[in-house]
N, C-alpha and C. Protein backbone atom coordinates (compact mmCIF):
# COMPACT_ATOMS: atom_id res chain seq x y z
N MET A 1 312.59 39.84 -83.11
CA MET A 1 311.74 39.19 -84.07
C MET A 1 310.51 40.04 -84.38
N LYS A 2 309.87 40.56 -83.29
CA LYS A 2 308.71 41.41 -83.49
C LYS A 2 309.09 42.67 -84.26
N LEU A 3 310.26 43.18 -84.00
CA LEU A 3 310.74 44.38 -84.67
C LEU A 3 310.93 44.12 -86.15
N THR A 4 311.42 42.97 -86.52
CA THR A 4 311.63 42.61 -87.92
C THR A 4 310.29 42.50 -88.66
N ILE A 5 309.31 41.89 -88.01
CA ILE A 5 307.98 41.75 -88.62
C ILE A 5 307.34 43.13 -88.79
N LEU A 6 307.48 43.97 -87.77
CA LEU A 6 306.92 45.32 -87.83
C LEU A 6 307.57 46.11 -88.96
N ALA A 7 308.88 45.99 -89.11
CA ALA A 7 309.60 46.70 -90.17
C ALA A 7 309.16 46.21 -91.55
N ALA A 8 308.94 44.90 -91.67
CA ALA A 8 308.50 44.34 -92.95
C ALA A 8 307.10 44.83 -93.29
N CYS A 9 306.21 44.91 -92.32
CA CYS A 9 304.84 45.38 -92.55
C CYS A 9 304.83 46.85 -92.96
N VAL A 10 305.64 47.65 -92.30
CA VAL A 10 305.73 49.07 -92.65
C VAL A 10 306.28 49.23 -94.07
N GLY A 11 307.28 48.43 -94.41
CA GLY A 11 307.86 48.49 -95.75
C GLY A 11 306.86 48.11 -96.83
N LEU A 12 306.05 47.09 -96.54
CA LEU A 12 305.02 46.69 -97.50
C LEU A 12 303.95 47.76 -97.65
N GLY A 13 303.61 48.40 -96.55
CA GLY A 13 302.61 49.47 -96.59
C GLY A 13 303.08 50.65 -97.42
N VAL A 14 304.35 51.03 -97.28
CA VAL A 14 304.92 52.13 -98.06
C VAL A 14 304.96 51.75 -99.54
N ALA A 15 305.35 50.51 -99.83
CA ALA A 15 305.42 50.06 -101.22
C ALA A 15 304.03 50.05 -101.86
N ALA A 16 303.02 49.62 -101.10
CA ALA A 16 301.65 49.57 -101.62
C ALA A 16 301.14 50.98 -101.89
N ALA A 17 301.44 51.91 -100.99
CA ALA A 17 300.99 53.29 -101.18
C ALA A 17 301.67 53.92 -102.39
N ALA A 18 302.93 53.61 -102.59
CA ALA A 18 303.66 54.17 -103.72
C ALA A 18 303.14 53.62 -105.04
N SER A 19 302.79 52.34 -105.06
CA SER A 19 302.31 51.76 -106.31
C SER A 19 300.88 52.17 -106.60
N ALA A 20 300.14 52.61 -105.60
CA ALA A 20 298.75 53.04 -105.81
C ALA A 20 298.70 54.37 -106.53
N GLN A 21 299.75 55.17 -106.40
CA GLN A 21 299.78 56.45 -107.08
C GLN A 21 300.18 56.22 -108.54
N THR A 22 299.33 56.67 -109.43
CA THR A 22 299.64 56.53 -110.86
C THR A 22 299.81 57.92 -111.45
N THR A 23 300.65 57.98 -112.42
CA THR A 23 300.83 59.25 -113.11
C THR A 23 300.01 59.21 -114.39
N THR A 24 299.38 60.32 -114.67
CA THR A 24 298.60 60.40 -115.90
C THR A 24 299.35 61.29 -116.88
N THR A 25 299.33 60.88 -118.11
CA THR A 25 299.96 61.68 -119.15
C THR A 25 298.87 62.23 -120.05
N PRO A 26 299.03 63.46 -120.53
CA PRO A 26 298.01 64.04 -121.39
C PRO A 26 297.95 63.30 -122.72
N ALA A 27 296.79 63.32 -123.33
CA ALA A 27 296.62 62.69 -124.64
C ALA A 27 297.50 63.42 -125.65
N THR A 28 298.04 62.68 -126.60
CA THR A 28 298.95 63.30 -127.57
C THR A 28 298.22 64.23 -128.53
N THR A 29 297.03 63.86 -128.95
CA THR A 29 296.27 64.74 -129.84
C THR A 29 294.87 64.92 -129.27
N ALA A 30 294.77 65.81 -128.31
CA ALA A 30 293.47 66.09 -127.72
C ALA A 30 292.60 66.79 -128.76
N PRO A 31 291.32 66.48 -128.82
CA PRO A 31 290.44 67.10 -129.82
C PRO A 31 290.44 68.62 -129.78
N GLN A 32 290.60 69.21 -128.60
CA GLN A 32 290.59 70.66 -128.52
C GLN A 32 291.86 71.28 -129.10
N ASP A 33 292.91 70.47 -129.31
CA ASP A 33 294.16 70.98 -129.87
C ASP A 33 294.14 70.98 -131.40
N ARG A 34 293.22 70.25 -131.99
CA ARG A 34 293.15 70.20 -133.44
C ARG A 34 292.57 71.50 -133.98
N PRO A 35 293.08 71.95 -135.12
CA PRO A 35 292.52 73.19 -135.67
C PRO A 35 291.07 72.98 -136.11
N THR A 36 290.25 73.99 -135.89
CA THR A 36 288.86 73.92 -136.31
C THR A 36 288.77 74.14 -137.81
N VAL A 37 287.58 73.93 -138.34
CA VAL A 37 287.35 74.12 -139.77
C VAL A 37 287.70 75.56 -140.15
N ASN A 38 287.25 76.51 -139.34
CA ASN A 38 287.51 77.92 -139.66
C ASN A 38 288.99 78.27 -139.56
N GLN A 39 289.71 77.66 -138.61
CA GLN A 39 291.15 77.91 -138.51
C GLN A 39 291.86 77.36 -139.74
N ARG A 40 291.45 76.18 -140.19
CA ARG A 40 292.07 75.59 -141.38
C ARG A 40 291.76 76.44 -142.61
N LEU A 41 290.51 76.93 -142.72
CA LEU A 41 290.17 77.79 -143.85
C LEU A 41 291.02 79.07 -143.85
N GLU A 42 291.22 79.64 -142.67
CA GLU A 42 292.06 80.84 -142.56
C GLU A 42 293.49 80.55 -142.98
N ASN A 43 294.04 79.41 -142.55
CA ASN A 43 295.39 79.02 -142.94
C ASN A 43 295.49 78.86 -144.46
N GLN A 44 294.46 78.26 -145.05
CA GLN A 44 294.48 78.05 -146.50
C GLN A 44 294.35 79.38 -147.24
N ARG A 45 293.54 80.31 -146.70
CA ARG A 45 293.47 81.65 -147.33
C ARG A 45 294.84 82.32 -147.29
N ASP A 46 295.53 82.18 -146.17
CA ASP A 46 296.87 82.76 -146.04
C ASP A 46 297.83 82.15 -147.05
N ARG A 47 297.74 80.84 -147.25
CA ARG A 47 298.62 80.16 -148.21
C ARG A 47 298.32 80.63 -149.63
N ILE A 48 297.05 80.84 -149.95
CA ILE A 48 296.69 81.32 -151.28
C ILE A 48 297.23 82.73 -151.48
N GLN A 49 297.05 83.60 -150.48
CA GLN A 49 297.57 84.96 -150.58
C GLN A 49 299.08 84.98 -150.74
N ALA A 50 299.76 84.11 -150.00
CA ALA A 50 301.22 84.03 -150.11
C ALA A 50 301.61 83.57 -151.51
N GLY A 51 300.85 82.65 -152.09
CA GLY A 51 301.12 82.17 -153.44
C GLY A 51 300.95 83.26 -154.48
N VAL A 52 299.94 84.10 -154.29
CA VAL A 52 299.72 85.23 -155.21
C VAL A 52 300.86 86.23 -155.06
N LYS A 53 301.23 86.53 -153.81
CA LYS A 53 302.29 87.50 -153.54
C LYS A 53 303.63 87.05 -154.12
N ASP A 54 303.92 85.75 -154.02
CA ASP A 54 305.19 85.21 -154.51
C ASP A 54 305.14 84.84 -156.00
N ASP A 55 304.05 85.18 -156.67
CA ASP A 55 303.86 84.83 -158.09
C ASP A 55 303.91 83.33 -158.34
N GLN A 56 303.45 82.55 -157.38
CA GLN A 56 303.37 81.11 -157.55
C GLN A 56 302.00 80.70 -158.07
N LEU A 57 301.01 81.57 -157.89
CA LEU A 57 299.65 81.29 -158.34
C LEU A 57 299.21 82.33 -159.35
N THR A 58 298.52 81.87 -160.38
CA THR A 58 297.91 82.81 -161.32
C THR A 58 296.63 83.35 -160.67
N LYS A 59 296.10 84.40 -161.26
CA LYS A 59 294.86 84.97 -160.75
C LYS A 59 293.73 83.95 -160.84
N GLY A 60 293.68 83.22 -161.93
CA GLY A 60 292.65 82.19 -162.11
C GLY A 60 292.76 81.07 -161.09
N GLU A 61 293.99 80.62 -160.83
CA GLU A 61 294.19 79.57 -159.83
C GLU A 61 293.74 80.04 -158.44
N ALA A 62 294.11 81.27 -158.10
CA ALA A 62 293.74 81.82 -156.80
C ALA A 62 292.22 81.94 -156.68
N THR A 63 291.58 82.40 -157.73
CA THR A 63 290.12 82.53 -157.72
C THR A 63 289.46 81.18 -157.53
N HIS A 64 289.94 80.18 -158.25
CA HIS A 64 289.37 78.83 -158.15
C HIS A 64 289.56 78.27 -156.73
N LEU A 65 290.74 78.43 -156.16
CA LEU A 65 291.02 77.91 -154.82
C LEU A 65 290.19 78.62 -153.75
N LYS A 66 290.03 79.94 -153.91
CA LYS A 66 289.20 80.70 -152.96
C LYS A 66 287.75 80.26 -153.04
N ALA A 67 287.28 79.97 -154.25
CA ALA A 67 285.90 79.51 -154.42
C ALA A 67 285.69 78.16 -153.74
N ASP A 68 286.68 77.28 -153.84
CA ASP A 68 286.59 75.98 -153.17
C ASP A 68 286.50 76.16 -151.65
N ASP A 69 287.31 77.07 -151.10
CA ASP A 69 287.27 77.33 -149.67
C ASP A 69 285.92 77.93 -149.27
N ALA A 70 285.39 78.82 -150.10
CA ALA A 70 284.09 79.43 -149.80
C ALA A 70 282.98 78.38 -149.78
N ALA A 71 283.07 77.40 -150.67
CA ALA A 71 282.07 76.33 -150.71
C ALA A 71 282.14 75.47 -149.45
N ILE A 72 283.35 75.22 -148.97
CA ILE A 72 283.51 74.44 -147.73
C ILE A 72 282.91 75.22 -146.56
N HIS A 73 283.18 76.52 -146.52
CA HIS A 73 282.65 77.36 -145.44
C HIS A 73 281.12 77.40 -145.49
N ALA A 74 280.56 77.50 -146.68
CA ALA A 74 279.10 77.51 -146.82
C ALA A 74 278.50 76.19 -146.36
N GLN A 75 279.15 75.08 -146.69
CA GLN A 75 278.65 73.78 -146.26
C GLN A 75 278.70 73.65 -144.75
N GLU A 76 279.76 74.18 -144.14
CA GLU A 76 279.85 74.15 -142.68
C GLU A 76 278.69 74.92 -142.06
N LYS A 77 278.35 76.07 -142.62
CA LYS A 77 277.24 76.87 -142.10
C LYS A 77 275.93 76.10 -142.18
N VAL A 78 275.72 75.40 -143.29
CA VAL A 78 274.50 74.60 -143.45
C VAL A 78 274.44 73.52 -142.38
N TYR A 79 275.55 72.82 -142.18
CA TYR A 79 275.60 71.77 -141.16
C TYR A 79 275.31 72.33 -139.77
N ARG A 80 275.91 73.46 -139.44
CA ARG A 80 275.73 74.05 -138.11
C ARG A 80 274.29 74.53 -137.90
N ARG A 81 273.67 75.10 -138.93
CA ARG A 81 272.29 75.55 -138.81
C ARG A 81 271.36 74.38 -138.55
N ALA A 82 271.67 73.24 -139.11
CA ALA A 82 270.82 72.06 -138.97
C ALA A 82 270.96 71.40 -137.60
N ASN A 83 272.05 71.67 -136.89
CA ASN A 83 272.33 70.95 -135.63
C ASN A 83 272.58 71.89 -134.45
N ASP A 84 271.88 72.99 -134.37
CA ASP A 84 272.02 73.92 -133.25
C ASP A 84 273.46 74.38 -133.04
N GLY A 85 274.17 74.67 -134.11
CA GLY A 85 275.53 75.19 -134.01
C GLY A 85 276.62 74.16 -133.82
N LYS A 86 276.28 72.89 -133.83
CA LYS A 86 277.27 71.83 -133.64
C LYS A 86 277.50 71.07 -134.95
N LEU A 87 278.64 70.41 -135.03
CA LEU A 87 278.93 69.52 -136.15
C LEU A 87 278.96 68.09 -135.64
N THR A 88 278.35 67.19 -136.38
CA THR A 88 278.42 65.77 -136.01
C THR A 88 279.79 65.23 -136.42
N LYS A 89 280.14 64.04 -135.93
CA LYS A 89 281.42 63.44 -136.30
C LYS A 89 281.50 63.24 -137.81
N GLY A 90 280.42 62.77 -138.40
CA GLY A 90 280.41 62.55 -139.85
C GLY A 90 280.58 63.84 -140.64
N GLU A 91 279.96 64.91 -140.17
CA GLU A 91 280.10 66.21 -140.84
C GLU A 91 281.53 66.73 -140.71
N LYS A 92 282.12 66.58 -139.53
CA LYS A 92 283.52 67.00 -139.34
C LYS A 92 284.44 66.21 -140.27
N LYS A 93 284.18 64.92 -140.37
CA LYS A 93 284.99 64.06 -141.22
C LYS A 93 284.88 64.49 -142.68
N GLN A 94 283.65 64.77 -143.12
CA GLN A 94 283.43 65.20 -144.50
C GLN A 94 284.12 66.54 -144.78
N LEU A 95 283.96 67.51 -143.87
CA LEU A 95 284.59 68.81 -144.06
C LEU A 95 286.11 68.69 -144.06
N ASN A 96 286.66 67.86 -143.18
CA ASN A 96 288.11 67.67 -143.15
C ASN A 96 288.62 67.01 -144.43
N ARG A 97 287.85 66.08 -144.96
CA ARG A 97 288.23 65.46 -146.24
C ARG A 97 288.30 66.52 -147.34
N GLU A 98 287.29 67.39 -147.37
CA GLU A 98 287.27 68.45 -148.38
C GLU A 98 288.41 69.45 -148.15
N LEU A 99 288.69 69.78 -146.89
CA LEU A 99 289.80 70.68 -146.58
C LEU A 99 291.13 70.06 -146.99
N ASN A 100 291.30 68.76 -146.75
CA ASN A 100 292.53 68.08 -147.15
C ASN A 100 292.69 68.12 -148.67
N ARG A 101 291.59 67.87 -149.38
CA ARG A 101 291.63 67.88 -150.85
C ARG A 101 292.03 69.27 -151.35
N ASN A 102 291.42 70.30 -150.78
CA ASN A 102 291.74 71.66 -151.22
C ASN A 102 293.16 72.05 -150.83
N SER A 103 293.64 71.57 -149.68
CA SER A 103 295.01 71.84 -149.27
C SER A 103 296.00 71.26 -150.28
N ARG A 104 295.72 70.05 -150.74
CA ARG A 104 296.57 69.43 -151.77
C ARG A 104 296.53 70.24 -153.07
N GLN A 105 295.35 70.74 -153.42
CA GLN A 105 295.24 71.56 -154.64
C GLN A 105 296.05 72.84 -154.51
N ILE A 106 296.04 73.45 -153.34
CA ILE A 106 296.82 74.67 -153.12
C ILE A 106 298.31 74.35 -153.28
N TYR A 107 298.75 73.26 -152.67
CA TYR A 107 300.16 72.88 -152.78
C TYR A 107 300.54 72.67 -154.23
N ARG A 108 299.73 71.89 -154.94
CA ARG A 108 300.05 71.58 -156.35
C ARG A 108 300.06 72.83 -157.21
N ALA A 109 299.10 73.71 -156.99
CA ALA A 109 299.04 74.94 -157.77
C ALA A 109 300.24 75.83 -157.49
N ARG A 110 300.70 75.86 -156.24
CA ARG A 110 301.85 76.71 -155.90
C ARG A 110 303.16 76.12 -156.39
N HIS A 111 303.18 74.83 -156.70
CA HIS A 111 304.43 74.18 -157.10
C HIS A 111 304.41 73.66 -158.53
N ASN A 112 303.56 74.22 -159.37
CA ASN A 112 303.47 73.72 -160.74
C ASN A 112 304.32 74.53 -161.73
N ASN A 113 305.09 75.48 -161.23
CA ASN A 113 306.02 76.29 -162.04
C ASN A 113 305.32 77.08 -163.14
N ARG A 114 304.04 77.33 -162.99
CA ARG A 114 303.34 78.16 -163.95
C ARG A 114 303.48 79.61 -163.51
N LYS A 115 303.83 80.49 -164.44
CA LYS A 115 304.04 81.90 -164.12
C LYS A 115 302.81 82.71 -164.49
N PRO A 116 302.42 83.65 -163.61
CA PRO A 116 301.31 84.54 -163.96
C PRO A 116 301.70 85.43 -165.12
N ARG A 117 300.69 85.84 -165.90
CA ARG A 117 300.95 86.77 -167.01
C ARG A 117 301.22 88.15 -166.47
N SER A 118 302.16 88.82 -167.08
CA SER A 118 302.51 90.17 -166.61
C SER A 118 301.73 91.22 -167.34
């Protein structure tokens, strides 16, 4: 009888120890994994260059898109100068909104079937 009680207590202790251990899973979209403003600008510059190379963008379209990217970069510099090199959540949100808008413009310009003049 004592042996049965002892075995039951040991079994409960092992079960309690096993349930106390939890496994942690990494966050699906950690903030450090998201591309920065400058990384996104670089990607968009690459997309514009590819569009020019593939004759999907006219010279005027490429110039306009590059100017939009330059304005976003200039705004980021202003924000960083004002906050000791950091961006606030609101500033990040605003810059990402502008980057998303410009990304859509790049896509549309590359897929509008307009041919550059030869």
